[in-house]
PDB file of all heavy atoms in Angstrom:
ATOM      1  N   ALA A   1      13.684 -19.842 -57.464  1.00  0.00           N
ATOM      2  CA  ALA A   1      14.958 -19.288 -56.946  1.00  0.00           C
ATOM      3  C   ALA A   1      15.392 -20.008 -55.668  1.00  0.00           C
ATOM      4  O   ALA A   1      16.548 -20.359 -55.536  1.00  0.00           O
ATOM      5  CB  ALA A   1      14.821 -17.753 -56.681  1.00  0.00           C
ATOM      6  N   GLY A   2      14.418 -20.246 -54.787  1.00  0.00           N
ATOM      7  CA  GLY A   2      14.769 -20.923 -53.547  1.00  0.00           C
ATOM      8  C   GLY A   2      15.271 -22.341 -53.743  1.00  0.00           C
ATOM      9  O   GLY A   2      16.228 -22.781 -53.111  1.00  0.00           O
ATOM     10  N   MET A   3      14.643 -23.007 -54.721  1.00  0.00           N
ATOM     11  CA  MET A   3      15.036 -24.384 -55.025  1.00  0.00           C
ATOM     12  C   MET A   3      16.427 -24.448 -55.614  1.00  0.00           C
ATOM     13  O   MET A   3      17.208 -25.346 -55.337  1.00  0.00           O
ATOM     14  CB  MET A   3      14.075 -25.044 -55.964  1.00  0.00           C
ATOM     15  CG  MET A   3      12.597 -25.134 -55.465  1.00  0.00           C
ATOM     16  SD  MET A   3      12.466 -26.080 -53.955  1.00  0.00           S
ATOM     17  CE  MET A   3      12.346 -24.801 -52.710  1.00  0.00           C
ATOM     18  N   ILE A   4      16.777 -23.438 -56.445  1.00  0.00           N
ATOM     19  CA  ILE A   4      18.107 -23.393 -57.101  1.00  0.00           C
ATOM     20  C   ILE A   4      19.128 -23.192 -56.011  1.00  0.00           C
ATOM     21  O   ILE A   4      20.204 -23.852 -55.965  1.00  0.00           O
ATOM     22  CB  ILE A   4      18.127 -22.241 -58.135  1.00  0.00           C
ATOM     23  CG1 ILE A   4      17.236 -22.605 -59.279  1.00  0.00           C
ATOM     24  CG2 ILE A   4      19.571 -22.010 -58.597  1.00  0.00           C
ATOM     25  CD1 ILE A   4      17.110 -21.472 -60.311  1.00  0.00           C
ATOM     26  N   LEU A   5      18.931 -22.250 -55.089  1.00  0.00           N
ATOM     27  CA  LEU A   5      19.835 -21.995 -54.018  1.00  0.00           C
ATOM     28  C   LEU A   5      20.016 -23.212 -53.082  1.00  0.00           C
ATOM     29  O   LEU A   5      21.120 -23.532 -52.681  1.00  0.00           O
ATOM     30  CB  LEU A   5      19.409 -20.790 -53.175  1.00  0.00           C
ATOM     31  CG  LEU A   5      19.458 -19.449 -53.900  1.00  0.00           C
ATOM     32  CD1 LEU A   5      18.889 -18.333 -53.044  1.00  0.00           C
ATOM     33  CD2 LEU A   5      20.854 -19.110 -54.370  1.00  0.00           C
ATOM     34  N   TYR A   6      18.912 -23.915 -52.847  1.00  0.00           N
ATOM     35  CA  TYR A   6      18.972 -25.090 -51.987  1.00  0.00           C
ATOM     36  C   TYR A   6      19.748 -26.195 -52.666  1.00  0.00           C
ATOM     37  O   TYR A   6      20.467 -26.988 -52.071  1.00  0.00           O
ATOM     38  CB  TYR A   6      17.549 -25.568 -51.657  1.00  0.00           C
ATOM     39  CG  TYR A   6      17.493 -26.681 -50.614  1.00  0.00           C
ATOM     40  CD1 TYR A   6      18.060 -26.489 -49.371  1.00  0.00           C
ATOM     41  CD2 TYR A   6      16.940 -27.908 -50.944  1.00  0.00           C
ATOM     42  CE1 TYR A   6      18.026 -27.491 -48.400  1.00  0.00           C
ATOM     43  CE2 TYR A   6      16.945 -28.941 -50.027  1.00  0.00           C
ATOM     44  CZ  TYR A   6      17.456 -28.737 -48.750  1.00  0.00           C
ATOM     45  OH  TYR A   6      17.435 -29.707 -47.839  1.00  0.00           O
ATOM     46  N   SER A   7      19.561 -26.339 -53.973  1.00  0.00           N
ATOM     47  CA  SER A   7      20.341 -27.358 -54.717  1.00  0.00           C
ATOM     48  C   SER A   7      21.836 -27.079 -54.673  1.00  0.00           C
ATOM     49  O   SER A   7      22.645 -27.944 -54.623  1.00  0.00           O
ATOM     50  CB  SER A   7      19.857 -27.416 -56.210  1.00  0.00           C
ATOM     51  OG  SER A   7      18.480 -27.791 -56.273  1.00  0.00           O
ATOM     52  N   PHE A   8      22.168 -25.715 -54.735  1.00  0.00           N
ATOM     53  CA  PHE A   8      23.596 -25.344 -54.641  1.00  0.00           C
ATOM     54  C   PHE A   8      24.115 -25.773 -53.271  1.00  0.00           C
ATOM     55  O   PHE A   8      25.229 -26.242 -53.241  1.00  0.00           O
ATOM     56  CB  PHE A   8      23.701 -23.813 -54.826  1.00  0.00           C
ATOM     57  CG  PHE A   8      25.065 -23.362 -54.644  1.00  0.00           C
ATOM     58  CD1 PHE A   8      26.013 -23.500 -55.705  1.00  0.00           C
ATOM     59  CD2 PHE A   8      25.452 -22.671 -53.515  1.00  0.00           C
ATOM     60  CE1 PHE A   8      27.316 -22.997 -55.571  1.00  0.00           C
ATOM     61  CE2 PHE A   8      26.715 -22.138 -53.354  1.00  0.00           C
ATOM     62  CZ  PHE A   8      27.659 -22.321 -54.358  1.00  0.00           C
ATOM     63  N   TYR A   9      23.343 -25.614 -52.217  1.00  0.00           N
ATOM     64  CA  TYR A   9      23.760 -26.035 -50.919  1.00  0.00           C
ATOM     65  C   TYR A   9      23.934 -27.564 -50.830  1.00  0.00           C
ATOM     66  O   TYR A   9      24.877 -28.103 -50.324  1.00  0.00           O
ATOM     67  CB  TYR A   9      22.761 -25.563 -49.838  1.00  0.00           C
ATOM     68  CG  TYR A   9      22.924 -26.275 -48.498  1.00  0.00           C
ATOM     69  CD1 TYR A   9      24.023 -26.080 -47.692  1.00  0.00           C
ATOM     70  CD2 TYR A   9      21.937 -27.187 -48.136  1.00  0.00           C
ATOM     71  CE1 TYR A   9      24.136 -26.793 -46.513  1.00  0.00           C
ATOM     72  CE2 TYR A   9      22.027 -27.855 -46.972  1.00  0.00           C
ATOM     73  CZ  TYR A   9      23.165 -27.680 -46.078  1.00  0.00           C
ATOM     74  OH  TYR A   9      23.236 -28.326 -44.947  1.00  0.00           O
ATOM     75  N   LEU A  10      22.927 -28.256 -51.427  1.00  0.00           N
ATOM     76  CA  LEU A  10      22.973 -29.714 -51.355  1.00  0.00           C
ATOM     77  C   LEU A  10      24.209 -30.307 -52.067  1.00  0.00           C
ATOM     78  O   LEU A  10      24.647 -31.400 -51.764  1.00  0.00           O
ATOM     79  CB  LEU A  10      21.673 -30.303 -51.990  1.00  0.00           C
ATOM     80  CG  LEU A  10      20.419 -30.200 -51.216  1.00  0.00           C
ATOM     81  CD1 LEU A  10      19.271 -30.814 -51.956  1.00  0.00           C
ATOM     82  CD2 LEU A  10      20.598 -30.835 -49.824  1.00  0.00           C
ATOM     83  N   SER A  11      24.714 -29.581 -53.086  1.00  0.00           N
ATOM     84  CA  SER A  11      25.894 -30.140 -53.808  1.00  0.00           C
ATOM     85  C   SER A  11      27.097 -30.200 -52.913  1.00  0.00           C
ATOM     86  O   SER A  11      28.108 -30.927 -53.306  1.00  0.00           O
ATOM     87  CB  SER A  11      26.168 -29.217 -55.024  1.00  0.00           C
ATOM     88  OG  SER A  11      26.644 -27.935 -54.585  1.00  0.00           O
ATOM     89  N   PHE A  12      27.076 -29.567 -51.753  1.00  0.00           N
ATOM     90  CA  PHE A  12      28.221 -29.689 -50.824  1.00  0.00           C
ATOM     91  C   PHE A  12      27.854 -30.590 -49.673  1.00  0.00           C
ATOM     92  O   PHE A  12      28.588 -30.550 -48.612  1.00  0.00           O
ATOM     93  CB  PHE A  12      28.551 -28.264 -50.280  1.00  0.00           C
ATOM     94  CG  PHE A  12      28.986 -27.308 -51.309  1.00  0.00           C
ATOM     95  CD1 PHE A  12      28.092 -26.352 -51.856  1.00  0.00           C
ATOM     96  CD2 PHE A  12      30.294 -27.336 -51.844  1.00  0.00           C
ATOM     97  CE1 PHE A  12      28.491 -25.464 -52.836  1.00  0.00           C
ATOM     98  CE2 PHE A  12      30.693 -26.470 -52.797  1.00  0.00           C
ATOM     99  CZ  PHE A  12      29.826 -25.499 -53.314  1.00  0.00           C
ATOM    100  N   THR A  13      26.861 -31.414 -49.844  1.00  0.00           N
ATOM    101  CA  THR A  13      26.430 -32.290 -48.717  1.00  0.00           C
ATOM    102  C   THR A  13      26.319 -33.740 -49.212  1.00  0.00           C
ATOM    103  O   THR A  13      26.327 -34.020 -50.404  1.00  0.00           O
ATOM    104  CB  THR A  13      25.063 -31.840 -48.202  1.00  0.00           C
ATOM    105  OG1 THR A  13      24.052 -32.045 -49.222  1.00  0.00           O
ATOM    106  CG2 THR A  13      25.061 -30.385 -47.770  1.00  0.00           C
ATOM    107  N   GLN A  14      26.182 -34.604 -48.241  1.00  0.00           N
ATOM    108  CA  GLN A  14      25.811 -36.001 -48.519  1.00  0.00           C
ATOM    109  C   GLN A  14      24.379 -36.159 -48.046  1.00  0.00           C
ATOM    110  O   GLN A  14      24.066 -36.053 -46.848  1.00  0.00           O
ATOM    111  CB  GLN A  14      26.720 -37.008 -47.710  1.00  0.00           C
ATOM    112  CG  GLN A  14      26.471 -38.415 -47.921  1.00  0.00           C
ATOM    113  CD  GLN A  14      27.387 -39.312 -47.141  1.00  0.00           C
ATOM    114  OE1 GLN A  14      28.405 -38.861 -46.641  1.00  0.00           O
ATOM    115  NE2 GLN A  14      27.106 -40.607 -47.087  1.00  0.00           N
ATOM    116  N   TYR A  15      23.522 -36.449 -48.962  1.00  0.00           N
ATOM    117  CA  TYR A  15      22.061 -36.412 -48.703  1.00  0.00           C
ATOM    118  C   TYR A  15      21.387 -37.589 -49.402  1.00  0.00           C
ATOM    119  O   TYR A  15      21.469 -37.691 -50.604  1.00  0.00           O
ATOM    120  CB  TYR A  15      21.459 -35.061 -49.143  1.00  0.00           C
ATOM    121  CG  TYR A  15      19.999 -34.927 -48.926  1.00  0.00           C
ATOM    122  CD1 TYR A  15      19.419 -35.295 -47.669  1.00  0.00           C
ATOM    123  CD2 TYR A  15      19.157 -34.344 -49.871  1.00  0.00           C
ATOM    124  CE1 TYR A  15      18.096 -35.135 -47.467  1.00  0.00           C
ATOM    125  CE2 TYR A  15      17.825 -34.192 -49.635  1.00  0.00           C
ATOM    126  CZ  TYR A  15      17.240 -34.568 -48.415  1.00  0.00           C
ATOM    127  OH  TYR A  15      15.904 -34.415 -48.241  1.00  0.00           O
ATOM    128  N   ASN A  16      20.705 -38.384 -48.635  1.00  0.00           N
ATOM    129  CA  ASN A  16      20.016 -39.576 -49.180  1.00  0.00           C
ATOM    130  C   ASN A  16      18.472 -39.489 -49.061  1.00  0.00           C
ATOM    131  O   ASN A  16      17.811 -40.521 -49.077  1.00  0.00           O
ATOM    132  CB  ASN A  16      20.515 -40.848 -48.601  1.00  0.00           C
ATOM    133  CG  ASN A  16      20.262 -40.904 -47.080  1.00  0.00           C
ATOM    134  OD1 ASN A  16      19.694 -39.986 -46.497  1.00  0.00           O
ATOM    135  ND2 ASN A  16      20.730 -41.955 -46.440  1.00  0.00           N
ATOM    136  N   ILE A  17      17.985 -38.315 -48.816  1.00  0.00           N
ATOM    137  CA  ILE A  17      16.518 -38.009 -48.686  1.00  0.00           C
ATOM    138  C   ILE A  17      16.013 -38.452 -47.311  1.00  0.00           C
ATOM    139  O   ILE A  17      15.248 -37.746 -46.644  1.00  0.00           O
ATOM    140  CB  ILE A  17      15.669 -38.709 -49.802  1.00  0.00           C
ATOM    141  CG1 ILE A  17      16.057 -38.235 -51.170  1.00  0.00           C
ATOM    142  CG2 ILE A  17      14.186 -38.417 -49.576  1.00  0.00           C
ATOM    143  CD1 ILE A  17      15.335 -38.861 -52.282  1.00  0.00           C
ATOM    144  N   VAL A  18      16.334 -39.660 -46.886  1.00  0.00           N
ATOM    145  CA  VAL A  18      15.862 -40.197 -45.595  1.00  0.00           C
ATOM    146  C   VAL A  18      16.430 -39.454 -44.414  1.00  0.00           C
ATOM    147  O   VAL A  18      15.762 -39.039 -43.413  1.00  0.00           O
ATOM    148  CB  VAL A  18      16.139 -41.707 -45.453  1.00  0.00           C
ATOM    149  CG1 VAL A  18      15.636 -42.235 -44.147  1.00  0.00           C
ATOM    150  CG2 VAL A  18      15.510 -42.422 -46.621  1.00  0.00           C
ATOM    151  N   GLU A  19      17.762 -39.170 -44.482  1.00  0.00           N
ATOM    152  CA  GLU A  19      18.484 -38.517 -43.363  1.00  0.00           C
ATOM    153  C   GLU A  19      18.710 -37.078 -43.724  1.00  0.00           C
ATOM    154  O   GLU A  19      18.770 -36.704 -44.898  1.00  0.00           O
ATOM    155  CB  GLU A  19      19.767 -39.245 -43.045  1.00  0.00           C
ATOM    156  CG  GLU A  19      19.546 -40.707 -42.680  1.00  0.00           C
ATOM    157  CD  GLU A  19      20.904 -41.452 -42.535  1.00  0.00           C
ATOM    158  OE1 GLU A  19      21.927 -40.830 -42.864  1.00  0.00           O
ATOM    159  OE2 GLU A  19      20.896 -42.567 -42.085  1.00  0.00           O
ATOM    160  N   PRO A  20      18.969 -36.218 -42.756  1.00  0.00           N
ATOM    161  CA  PRO A  20      19.264 -34.785 -42.999  1.00  0.00           C
ATOM    162  C   PRO A  20      20.551 -34.709 -43.760  1.00  0.00           C
ATOM    163  O   PRO A  20      21.444 -35.534 -43.658  1.00  0.00           O
ATOM    164  CB  PRO A  20      19.363 -34.206 -41.589  1.00  0.00           C
ATOM    165  CG  PRO A  20      18.595 -35.113 -40.680  1.00  0.00           C
ATOM    166  CD  PRO A  20      18.812 -36.497 -41.281  1.00  0.00           C
ATOM    167  N   PRO A  21      20.700 -33.630 -44.557  1.00  0.00           N
ATOM    168  CA  PRO A  21      21.927 -33.389 -45.363  1.00  0.00           C
ATOM    169  C   PRO A  21      23.156 -33.216 -44.381  1.00  0.00           C
ATOM    170  O   PRO A  21      23.008 -32.592 -43.324  1.00  0.00           O
ATOM    171  CB  PRO A  21      21.670 -32.119 -46.084  1.00  0.00           C
ATOM    172  CG  PRO A  21      20.198 -31.994 -46.119  1.00  0.00           C
ATOM    173  CD  PRO A  21      19.717 -32.583 -44.870  1.00  0.00           C
ATOM    174  N   LYS A  22      24.277 -33.831 -44.764  1.00  0.00           N
ATOM    175  CA  LYS A  22      25.500 -33.727 -43.968  1.00  0.00           C
ATOM    176  C   LYS A  22      26.563 -33.000 -44.793  1.00  0.00           C
ATOM    177  O   LYS A  22      26.920 -33.467 -45.896  1.00  0.00           O
ATOM    178  CB  LYS A  22      25.979 -35.163 -43.601  1.00  0.00           C
ATOM    179  CG  LYS A  22      27.290 -35.159 -42.811  1.00  0.00           C
ATOM    180  CD  LYS A  22      27.734 -36.575 -42.531  1.00  0.00           C
ATOM    181  CE  LYS A  22      29.065 -36.573 -41.798  1.00  0.00           C
ATOM    182  NZ  LYS A  22      29.535 -37.922 -41.565  1.00  0.00           N
ATOM    183  N   PHE A  23      27.042 -31.886 -44.333  1.00  0.00           N
ATOM    184  CA  PHE A  23      28.012 -31.077 -45.056  1.00  0.00           C
ATOM    185  C   PHE A  23      29.324 -31.788 -45.228  1.00  0.00           C
ATOM    186  O   PHE A  23      29.891 -32.238 -44.209  1.00  0.00           O
ATOM    187  CB  PHE A  23      28.168 -29.743 -44.387  1.00  0.00           C
ATOM    188  CG  PHE A  23      29.023 -28.787 -45.116  1.00  0.00           C
ATOM    189  CD1 PHE A  23      28.513 -28.034 -46.193  1.00  0.00           C
ATOM    190  CD2 PHE A  23      30.378 -28.615 -44.828  1.00  0.00           C
ATOM    191  CE1 PHE A  23      29.265 -27.168 -46.921  1.00  0.00           C
ATOM    192  CE2 PHE A  23      31.163 -27.708 -45.562  1.00  0.00           C
ATOM    193  CZ  PHE A  23      30.615 -27.001 -46.581  1.00  0.00           C
ATOM    194  N   ILE A  24      29.806 -31.907 -46.458  1.00  0.00           N
ATOM    195  CA  ILE A  24      31.064 -32.624 -46.757  1.00  0.00           C
ATOM    196  C   ILE A  24      31.949 -31.716 -47.604  1.00  0.00           C
ATOM    197  O   ILE A  24      32.988 -32.242 -48.108  1.00  0.00           O
ATOM    198  CB  ILE A  24      30.837 -33.966 -47.402  1.00  0.00           C
ATOM    199  CG1 ILE A  24      30.025 -33.767 -48.730  1.00  0.00           C
ATOM    200  CG2 ILE A  24      30.150 -34.928 -46.494  1.00  0.00           C
ATOM    201  CD1 ILE A  24      29.866 -35.073 -49.494  1.00  0.00           C
ATOM    202  N   GLY A  25      31.677 -30.459 -47.764  1.00  0.00           N
ATOM    203  CA  GLY A  25      32.578 -29.574 -48.522  1.00  0.00           C
ATOM    204  C   GLY A  25      32.613 -29.903 -49.967  1.00  0.00           C
ATOM    205  O   GLY A  25      31.565 -30.132 -50.614  1.00  0.00           O
ATOM    206  N   LEU A  26      33.781 -29.988 -50.537  1.00  0.00           N
ATOM    207  CA  LEU A  26      33.989 -30.193 -51.955  1.00  0.00           C
ATOM    208  C   LEU A  26      34.172 -31.666 -52.354  1.00  0.00           C
ATOM    209  O   LEU A  26      34.629 -31.992 -53.428  1.00  0.00           O
ATOM    210  CB  LEU A  26      35.234 -29.378 -52.435  1.00  0.00           C
ATOM    211  CG  LEU A  26      35.140 -27.842 -52.326  1.00  0.00           C
ATOM    212  CD1 LEU A  26      36.490 -27.253 -52.703  1.00  0.00           C
ATOM    213  CD2 LEU A  26      34.027 -27.324 -53.247  1.00  0.00           C
ATOM    214  N   ALA A  27      33.788 -32.550 -51.428  1.00  0.00           N
ATOM    215  CA  ALA A  27      34.011 -33.990 -51.628  1.00  0.00           C
ATOM    216  C   ALA A  27      33.259 -34.495 -52.890  1.00  0.00           C
ATOM    217  O   ALA A  27      33.823 -35.302 -53.670  1.00  0.00           O
ATOM    218  CB  ALA A  27      33.581 -34.755 -50.416  1.00  0.00           C
ATOM    219  N   ASN A  28      32.072 -33.972 -53.141  1.00  0.00           N
ATOM    220  CA  ASN A  28      31.315 -34.406 -54.324  1.00  0.00           C
ATOM    221  C   ASN A  28      32.011 -33.991 -55.594  1.00  0.00           C
ATOM    222  O   ASN A  28      32.157 -34.776 -56.547  1.00  0.00           O
ATOM    223  CB  ASN A  28      29.901 -33.829 -54.280  1.00  0.00           C
ATOM    224  CG  ASN A  28      29.000 -34.490 -53.271  1.00  0.00           C
ATOM    225  OD1 ASN A  28      29.164 -35.671 -52.976  1.00  0.00           O
ATOM    226  ND2 ASN A  28      28.047 -33.751 -52.705  1.00  0.00           N
ATOM    227  N   TYR A  29      32.527 -32.760 -55.659  1.00  0.00           N
ATOM    228  CA  TYR A  29      33.185 -32.272 -56.878  1.00  0.00           C
ATOM    229  C   TYR A  29      34.550 -32.949 -57.018  1.00  0.00           C
ATOM    230  O   TYR A  29      34.960 -33.207 -58.139  1.00  0.00           O
ATOM    231  CB  TYR A  29      33.316 -30.779 -56.761  1.00  0.00           C
ATOM    232  CG  TYR A  29      32.029 -30.080 -56.750  1.00  0.00           C
ATOM    233  CD1 TYR A  29      31.454 -29.587 -55.572  1.00  0.00           C
ATOM    234  CD2 TYR A  29      31.342 -29.831 -57.966  1.00  0.00           C
ATOM    235  CE1 TYR A  29      30.234 -28.903 -55.595  1.00  0.00           C
ATOM    236  CE2 TYR A  29      30.112 -29.167 -57.993  1.00  0.00           C
ATOM    237  CZ  TYR A  29      29.554 -28.782 -56.793  1.00  0.00           C
ATOM    238  OH  TYR A  29      28.348 -28.094 -56.835  1.00  0.00           O
ATOM    239  N   THR A  30      35.235 -33.241 -55.900  1.00  0.00           N
ATOM    240  CA  THR A  30      36.517 -33.933 -56.008  1.00  0.00           C
ATOM    241  C   THR A  30      36.326 -35.333 -56.616  1.00  0.00           C
ATOM    242  O   THR A  30      37.063 -35.720 -57.527  1.00  0.00           O
ATOM    243  CB  THR A  30      37.185 -34.062 -54.600  1.00  0.00           C
ATOM    244  OG1 THR A  30      37.369 -32.762 -54.055  1.00  0.00           O
ATOM    245  CG2 THR A  30      38.502 -34.753 -54.720  1.00  0.00           C
ATOM    246  N   LYS A  31      35.341 -36.063 -56.116  1.00  0.00           N
ATOM    247  CA  LYS A  31      35.064 -37.326 -56.687  1.00  0.00           C
ATOM    248  C   LYS A  31      34.595 -37.221 -58.190  1.00  0.00           C
ATOM    249  O   LYS A  31      34.989 -38.111 -58.984  1.00  0.00           O
ATOM    250  CB  LYS A  31      33.927 -38.015 -55.877  1.00  0.00           C
ATOM    251  CG  LYS A  31      33.457 -39.372 -56.429  1.00  0.00           C
ATOM    252  CD  LYS A  31      32.314 -39.897 -55.649  1.00  0.00           C
ATOM    253  CE  LYS A  31      31.805 -41.196 -56.227  1.00  0.00           C
ATOM    254  NZ  LYS A  31      30.643 -41.740 -55.457  1.00  0.00           N
ATOM    255  N   MET A  32      33.807 -36.228 -58.443  1.00  0.00           N
ATOM    256  CA  MET A  32      33.244 -36.106 -59.816  1.00  0.00           C
ATOM    257  C   MET A  32      34.341 -35.948 -60.827  1.00  0.00           C
ATOM    258  O   MET A  32      34.268 -36.509 -61.888  1.00  0.00           O
ATOM    259  CB  MET A  32      32.323 -34.854 -59.815  1.00  0.00           C
ATOM    260  CG  MET A  32      31.339 -34.807 -60.954  1.00  0.00           C
ATOM    261  SD  MET A  32      30.360 -33.277 -60.824  1.00  0.00           S
ATOM    262  CE  MET A  32      29.619 -33.452 -59.176  1.00  0.00           C
ATOM    263  N   PHE A  33      35.340 -35.093 -60.531  1.00  0.00           N
ATOM    264  CA  PHE A  33      36.389 -34.761 -61.527  1.00  0.00           C
ATOM    265  C   PHE A  33      37.636 -35.647 -61.423  1.00  0.00           C
ATOM    266  O   PHE A  33      38.505 -35.424 -62.256  1.00  0.00           O
ATOM    267  CB  PHE A  33      36.718 -33.303 -61.397  1.00  0.00           C
ATOM    268  CG  PHE A  33      35.637 -32.363 -61.873  1.00  0.00           C
ATOM    269  CD1 PHE A  33      34.888 -31.677 -60.911  1.00  0.00           C
ATOM    270  CD2 PHE A  33      35.332 -32.194 -63.171  1.00  0.00           C
ATOM    271  CE1 PHE A  33      33.892 -30.776 -61.312  1.00  0.00           C
ATOM    272  CE2 PHE A  33      34.290 -31.370 -63.604  1.00  0.00           C
ATOM    273  CZ  PHE A  33      33.571 -30.685 -62.665  1.00  0.00           C
ATOM    274  N   THR A  34      37.737 -36.458 -60.432  1.00  0.00           N
ATOM    275  CA  THR A  34      38.975 -37.244 -60.307  1.00  0.00           C
ATOM    276  C   THR A  34      38.769 -38.753 -60.297  1.00  0.00           C
ATOM    277  O   THR A  34      39.572 -39.511 -60.721  1.00  0.00           O
ATOM    278  CB  THR A  34      39.744 -36.839 -58.963  1.00  0.00           C
ATOM    279  OG1 THR A  34      38.870 -37.095 -57.836  1.00  0.00           O
ATOM    280  CG2 THR A  34      40.098 -35.385 -59.020  1.00  0.00           C
ATOM    281  N   ARG A  35      37.620 -39.240 -59.762  1.00  0.00           N
ATOM    282  CA  ARG A  35      37.432 -40.697 -59.577  1.00  0.00           C
ATOM    283  C   ARG A  35      36.205 -41.268 -60.277  1.00  0.00           C
ATOM    284  O   ARG A  35      36.066 -42.442 -60.352  1.00  0.00           O
ATOM    285  CB  ARG A  35      37.347 -41.020 -58.087  1.00  0.00           C
ATOM    286  CG  ARG A  35      38.531 -40.616 -57.317  1.00  0.00           C
ATOM    287  CD  ARG A  35      38.525 -41.170 -55.932  1.00  0.00           C
ATOM    288  NE  ARG A  35      37.339 -40.907 -55.182  1.00  0.00           N
ATOM    289  CZ  ARG A  35      37.142 -39.798 -54.421  1.00  0.00           C
ATOM    290  NH1 ARG A  35      38.100 -38.906 -54.343  1.00  0.00           N
ATOM    291  NH2 ARG A  35      36.040 -39.607 -53.791  1.00  0.00           N
ATOM    292  N   ASP A  36      35.317 -40.408 -60.777  1.00  0.00           N
ATOM    293  CA  ASP A  36      34.092 -40.903 -61.391  1.00  0.00           C
ATOM    294  C   ASP A  36      34.209 -41.004 -62.911  1.00  0.00           C
ATOM    295  O   ASP A  36      34.045 -40.026 -63.626  1.00  0.00           O
ATOM    296  CB  ASP A  36      32.911 -39.945 -61.033  1.00  0.00           C
ATOM    297  CG  ASP A  36      31.584 -40.542 -61.320  1.00  0.00           C
ATOM    298  OD1 ASP A  36      31.542 -41.584 -62.014  1.00  0.00           O
ATOM    299  OD2 ASP A  36      30.538 -39.964 -60.896  1.00  0.00           O
ATOM    300  N   ASP A  37      34.532 -42.214 -63.406  1.00  0.00           N
ATOM    301  CA  ASP A  37      34.674 -42.417 -64.850  1.00  0.00           C
ATOM    302  C   ASP A  37      33.311 -42.263 -65.579  1.00  0.00           C
ATOM    303  O   ASP A  37      33.279 -41.898 -66.726  1.00  0.00           O
ATOM    304  CB  ASP A  37      35.246 -43.779 -65.098  1.00  0.00           C
ATOM    305  CG  ASP A  37      36.692 -43.911 -64.618  1.00  0.00           C
ATOM    306  OD1 ASP A  37      37.389 -42.856 -64.537  1.00  0.00           O
ATOM    307  OD2 ASP A  37      37.122 -45.017 -64.302  1.00  0.00           O
ATOM    308  N   LEU A  38      32.208 -42.631 -64.872  1.00  0.00           N
ATOM    309  CA  LEU A  38      30.955 -42.476 -65.542  1.00  0.00           C
ATOM    310  C   LEU A  38      30.531 -41.018 -65.763  1.00  0.00           C
ATOM    311  O   LEU A  38      29.860 -40.758 -66.721  1.00  0.00           O
ATOM    312  CB  LEU A  38      29.878 -43.215 -64.664  1.00  0.00           C
ATOM    313  CG  LEU A  38      29.916 -44.735 -64.674  1.00  0.00           C
ATOM    314  CD1 LEU A  38      28.791 -45.285 -63.788  1.00  0.00           C
ATOM    315  CD2 LEU A  38      29.825 -45.296 -66.098  1.00  0.00           C
ATOM    316  N   PHE A  39      30.905 -40.150 -64.855  1.00  0.00           N
ATOM    317  CA  PHE A  39      30.652 -38.748 -65.078  1.00  0.00           C
ATOM    318  C   PHE A  39      31.387 -38.219 -66.321  1.00  0.00           C
ATOM    319  O   PHE A  39      30.816 -37.532 -67.146  1.00  0.00           O
ATOM    320  CB  PHE A  39      31.066 -37.948 -63.863  1.00  0.00           C
ATOM    321  CG  PHE A  39      30.948 -36.442 -64.031  1.00  0.00           C
ATOM    322  CD1 PHE A  39      29.722 -35.825 -64.023  1.00  0.00           C
ATOM    323  CD2 PHE A  39      32.074 -35.663 -64.208  1.00  0.00           C
ATOM    324  CE1 PHE A  39      29.558 -34.485 -64.194  1.00  0.00           C
ATOM    325  CE2 PHE A  39      31.946 -34.318 -64.408  1.00  0.00           C
ATOM    326  CZ  PHE A  39      30.708 -33.682 -64.378  1.00  0.00           C
ATOM    327  N   ALA A  40      32.623 -38.651 -66.446  1.00  0.00           N
ATOM    328  CA  ALA A  40      33.421 -38.232 -67.665  1.00  0.00           C
ATOM    329  C   ALA A  40      32.782 -38.861 -68.895  1.00  0.00           C
ATOM    330  O   ALA A  40      32.677 -38.149 -69.940  1.00  0.00           O
ATOM    331  CB  ALA A  40      34.823 -38.704 -67.506  1.00  0.00           C
TER     332      ALA A  40
END
């Protein structure tokens, strides 16, 4: 349960493992559904 909730939080961040997560809001989802052809 804790890992699921943490993953939900990470989806709103920019995180590369080395540095702490940086909150970026819906930027990941905006890119996913508008600019990422590989996701589609």
